[in-house]
Amino acid sequence: MENISEILEKVYEAVKETGKDPVLMIAAYITQGDERYITRSREARSIITSIQRKSILEQLLNEYLMDHHLSDEDGSIAAKLTSLAQKTGRSGYDPVLHLSSWLISGQISYITKMENARDDASEINYIEAVHEIVRHHFAH
């Protein structure tokens, strides 16, 4: 079985061939769950739907947070997500599990109430955050 990164690369290339923005389409698929964002070309749709969206997002979020763990407090999405991850961890919860659940559902209840984390999360557009996380993955 291929790993998530290999699958995403295949899907990226198939979507790119259609002339659409692969980052936008993959991020939309992750947040919306509508497989129509992914082309059937090269079996990209069946490949990506063979993995749970949450599993994809967990891996991408983990990569993103590892790369931004020392992010400055500059108001960027990276800084805000890093801060939320730290607060979630200090609350005794798995940051990747809880943040990915929030990002995929939009449900703020996945964010800890401690340290005003929900207030912080409400300042982040979760769809834009997922787009940024997907963009970051393919920028490497």
Protein backbone atom coordinates (compact mmCIF):
# COMPACT_ATOMS: atom_id res chain seq x y z
CA MET A 1 0.00 0.00 0.00
CA GLU A 2 1.25 3.45 -0.86
CA ASN A 3 1.72 6.02 1.86
CA ILE A 4 -0.39 9.14 2.07
CA SER A 5 2.29 11.39 0.57
CA GLU A 6 2.65 9.15 -2.49
CA ILE A 7 -1.11 9.06 -2.96
CA LEU A 8 -1.37 12.84 -2.65
CA GLU A 9 1.37 13.27 -5.26
CA LYS A 10 -0.55 11.10 -7.74
CA VAL A 11 -3.78 12.97 -7.05
CA TYR A 12 -1.98 16.32 -7.32
CA GLU A 13 -0.61 15.44 -10.77
CA ALA A 14 -3.96 14.12 -12.02
CA VAL A 15 -5.81 17.27 -10.88
CA LYS A 16 -3.07 19.48 -12.33
CA GLU A 17 -3.52 17.81 -15.73
CA THR A 18 -7.15 18.95 -15.75
CA GLY A 19 -6.03 22.58 -15.49
CA LYS A 20 -7.44 23.05 -12.02
CA ASP A 21 -5.52 24.16 -8.93
CA PRO A 22 -4.58 20.89 -7.21
CA VAL A 23 -3.97 22.49 -3.82
CA LEU A 24 -7.38 24.14 -3.86
CA MET A 25 -9.14 20.97 -5.03
CA ILE A 26 -7.45 18.71 -2.47
CA ALA A 27 -8.09 21.19 0.35
CA ALA A 28 -11.73 21.48 -0.73
CA TYR A 29 -12.07 17.71 -0.76
CA ILE A 30 -10.60 17.46 2.74
CA THR A 31 -12.84 20.15 4.22
CA GLN A 32 -16.04 19.45 2.27
CA GLY A 33 -15.82 15.69 1.78
CA ASP A 34 -17.16 16.03 -1.75
CA GLU A 35 -15.19 13.67 -3.94
CA ARG A 36 -16.25 15.61 -7.04
CA TYR A 37 -13.42 18.04 -6.29
CA ILE A 38 -11.05 15.28 -7.38
CA THR A 39 -10.86 14.18 -11.00
CA ARG A 40 -11.51 10.59 -12.03
CA SER A 41 -8.53 10.83 -14.35
CA ARG A 42 -5.75 8.38 -13.46
CA GLU A 43 -8.12 6.93 -10.85
CA ALA A 44 -7.28 9.88 -8.59
CA ARG A 45 -10.74 9.96 -7.05
CA SER A 46 -10.76 6.29 -6.10
CA ILE A 47 -7.19 6.54 -4.81
CA ILE A 48 -7.83 9.49 -2.50
CA THR A 49 -11.17 8.17 -1.26
CA SER A 50 -9.46 4.94 -0.18
CA ILE A 51 -8.01 6.92 2.75
CA GLN A 52 -10.05 8.67 5.41
CA ARG A 53 -9.94 12.45 4.99
CA LYS A 54 -9.07 12.79 8.67
CA SER A 55 -6.03 10.52 8.23
CA ILE A 56 -4.83 12.70 5.35
CA LEU A 57 -5.31 15.86 7.37
CA GLU A 58 -3.64 14.39 10.46
CA GLN A 59 -0.49 13.60 8.48
CA LEU A 60 -0.42 16.98 6.75
CA LEU A 61 -1.10 18.83 10.00
CA ASN A 62 1.62 16.92 11.80
CA GLU A 63 4.13 17.86 9.05
CA TYR A 64 2.96 21.45 9.16
CA LEU A 65 3.26 21.79 12.92
CA MET A 66 6.68 20.15 12.96
CA ASP A 67 7.92 22.61 10.35
CA HIS A 68 6.39 25.59 12.19
CA HIS A 69 7.03 24.60 15.81
CA LEU A 70 9.14 27.69 16.39
CA SER A 71 6.90 30.04 14.46
CA ASP A 72 6.93 33.66 15.54
CA GLU A 73 3.81 35.22 16.98
CA ASP A 74 3.17 37.20 13.81
CA GLY A 75 -0.54 36.61 13.41
CA SER A 76 -0.03 34.13 10.57
CA ILE A 77 -2.02 30.93 10.27
CA ALA A 78 1.15 29.03 11.19
CA ALA A 79 1.60 31.03 14.39
CA LYS A 80 -2.05 30.65 15.35
CA LEU A 81 -2.16 26.90 14.68
CA THR A 82 1.11 26.40 16.53
CA SER A 83 -0.26 28.29 19.51
CA LEU A 84 -3.48 26.23 19.45
CA ALA A 85 -1.46 23.01 19.25
CA GLN A 86 0.63 24.06 22.25
CA LYS A 87 -2.44 24.96 24.30
CA THR A 88 -4.13 21.69 23.36
CA GLY A 89 -1.05 19.74 24.37
CA ARG A 90 -0.79 21.56 27.69
CA SER A 91 -4.43 20.65 28.32
CA GLY A 92 -3.51 16.97 28.07
CA TYR A 93 -4.98 16.32 24.64
CA ASP A 94 -3.34 15.13 21.42
CA PRO A 95 -2.93 18.36 19.41
CA VAL A 96 -2.95 16.74 15.97
CA LEU A 97 -6.01 14.62 16.73
CA HIS A 98 -8.03 17.51 18.15
CA LEU A 99 -6.96 20.18 15.68
CA SER A 100 -7.55 17.90 12.70
CA SER A 101 -11.02 17.04 14.05
CA TRP A 102 -11.78 20.75 14.30
CA LEU A 103 -10.35 21.55 10.87
CA ILE A 104 -12.26 18.80 9.11
CA SER A 105 -15.58 19.51 10.80
CA GLY A 106 -15.46 23.20 11.64
CA GLN A 107 -16.77 22.28 15.10
CA ILE A 108 -15.08 24.48 17.70
CA SER A 109 -16.00 21.96 20.42
CA TYR A 110 -12.89 19.95 19.47
CA ILE A 111 -10.75 22.80 20.80
CA THR A 112 -9.95 22.93 24.50
CA LYS A 113 -11.64 25.63 26.56
CA MET A 114 -8.43 26.18 28.51
CA GLU A 115 -6.21 29.22 27.95
CA ASN A 116 -8.87 30.88 25.76
CA ALA A 117 -8.00 28.45 22.97
CA ARG A 118 -11.54 28.53 21.54
CA ASP A 119 -11.35 32.30 21.24
CA ASP A 120 -8.08 31.89 19.38
CA ALA A 121 -9.56 29.22 17.11
CA SER A 122 -12.56 31.41 16.29
CA GLU A 123 -10.12 33.91 14.74
CA ILE A 124 -8.93 31.30 12.23
CA ASN A 125 -10.86 30.47 9.08
CA TYR A 126 -10.53 26.70 9.21
CA ILE A 127 -10.97 26.34 5.43
CA GLU A 128 -8.11 28.77 4.80
CA ALA A 129 -6.05 26.90 7.40
CA VAL A 130 -6.54 23.57 5.59
CA HIS A 131 -5.63 25.24 2.29
CA GLU A 132 -2.43 26.57 3.89
CA ILE A 133 -1.59 23.14 5.32
CA VAL A 134 -2.10 21.43 1.94
CA ARG A 135 -0.12 24.17 0.15
CA HIS A 136 2.73 23.71 2.61
CA HIS A 137 2.84 19.96 1.92
CA PHE A 138 3.28 20.45 -1.81
CA ALA A 139 5.78 23.29 -1.41
CA HIS A 140 8.38 20.81 -0.21
